[in-house]
C-alpha cells in the first residue's frame, strides 16, 4: 500500500518503525470521525466545483461503508498503512479509482487529524458530561436521603465537629457540578473547525471552510490557519487538565469510601460484587476498583503534563512531535470516563450503617458547640476556647441531630440547600444532551445513519 507522501525512495526501516510508532493502532479510535470529516470535505469540494457531483456521491457512499466497518471493529489499519488517513484513502482508491485520489484535495493530514480529534472530543465530552452529571445527580439524591443522618466531620482525619452523611455526599455532588461547568468551557474551545488550514498556511483553492464547519456541526471556524496547527496539543492539554481535575475529585471520594468502609470505621459497606479477593487470605474483600481510581487519577495528571511537555518548546507550524500527544489524550479519555462509572456504581450500591455513624460521636465532637454556648453567655471566644480546651469532654453526651439542626445557614449540615446546585446541574446536563443529539443528527446527515464518533476502546 502506498503512503500518502510516497516518493522515489524507501524509508529506512528503523526510522519508519520509530516515526510510525503506535499511531496506526491509535487511529482506529478516530476512524469514524475521520470519515465524517472526509464526507463533509467531499461535499464542499463538489460545491466548489473542485470535484464532480457523482465523484462526491461515490466518495460519500464508500466513506459511509468504511465508517460502518470501523464502528464494528472490522476496518483494519496496519503498520504498513502508517496511519488511519492512509488506510482510508487507499481503500477509496482501491474501490473507486480516480475519485479516491481526489479526496485529499485542499487538505493536509495535519488539519485532517485535528478535525478528527476535535469531532472525537466533542462526542467524548458530551458523553463524559452526561455520565458525570448522572453521578452528581446520584450523589445529590443520596445526600437528600441521608440529609439528617449524623456523621462526625473530620479535619486532619481527627474527629472535629458534628456533620451529616448528606453534607459529605452533597459536597462531592457540588464539586462535580463545578467540573461540568469547566467541561462546558473546554468544549467551547474544542468546538471550532480546523479543516481547510492544510499544513498551516492554507491552499490556493476556493475552499469554503464555513460550509465544512456547518456540515460537521462545529460552532465556528478556527480562523487563523497557522493557529490551527499551533493549537494542536494545546487544546488536547486543556481536555486533559479537565480530566486531571476530575481525577482529583474522584481520588478524594475514593479515599473517603475506602477509609469509612474499614472495619474500624464501619460507616459504610462496599458491595461485595465490586470487591475482589486475596489469593492467600480467604476472608479478604479488597476495594480494588476504588484503589485503582486513586492510582489512575495520578496517571491523568501525568498524561496532562506529558502533552504540555511535548508542545512546550516547539516552533510554530506543524511538527511531528504533535503525534506524541495522541496516545496520552486517548488514554486519558478512556480512563476518566471509566473512573466516573466506577465511582457512580459504588455510590449507587453503597450500604450505610446509621448505628456505627452515631456511635462515633464522643463528647469532644461537641467541644466547639460548648465553646459557642459560653460565648452566648457573655464570654469572649478566646476565653471560651480556653475553658473548653482544658476539658474537651465537658460537653458531655448530646443528641447529634439537635446539634446539627442548629447549623441552619445555607449549605450547612442542617440545611443542605440543594435547590441551587440541582438547578445548575439540570442546566448543564440539558446542555450536554443537546450537544449529543446535535452530533447524532450531523452524523446521520453525513452517513445516512447514526454512527458513534466516540467509542470506548475495548
Foldseek 3Di string as FASTA:
>chain_A
DDEPVDDDDDDDPVVLCVLLPCQAVLQLQLLLLLLLLLLLLLVQCCVQVNDPPVLSVLSLQLSLVLNVCSLVVNQHGDSVLSHSVSSSLVVCCVVPNPSSVCSCPQAAVLLSVLSSVLLQVLLLLLVLLLLLLVLLVLLQVVLVVWLLQWFFDDDPNDGAAIFTSSLVSNVLSLLSLVLLVLSVVLNLVSQARLTQLHQQNGDPGPGDRQSSSVLQVRPYHPPRSQVSQLCQLVSLLSVLVSLLSLLVSLLVVLVVVVVCVPPVQNQKPWDQVQFDADPPDVVDTHNVLSVVSNVVSVVSVVLSVVSCVLSVDDDTTHDSSSSVNSVSSLVSSLSSSVSSVSSSVRSVPMGGDSVSRVVPDAQLNCLVVQLVVVVVVPDDSVVSNVVCVVPSRVSDDDDSSVVQCVQDPDCGSNHNPCPVSVVSSVVSSVVSVVSNVSSQVSSCVSNVHGRRSGDNDD
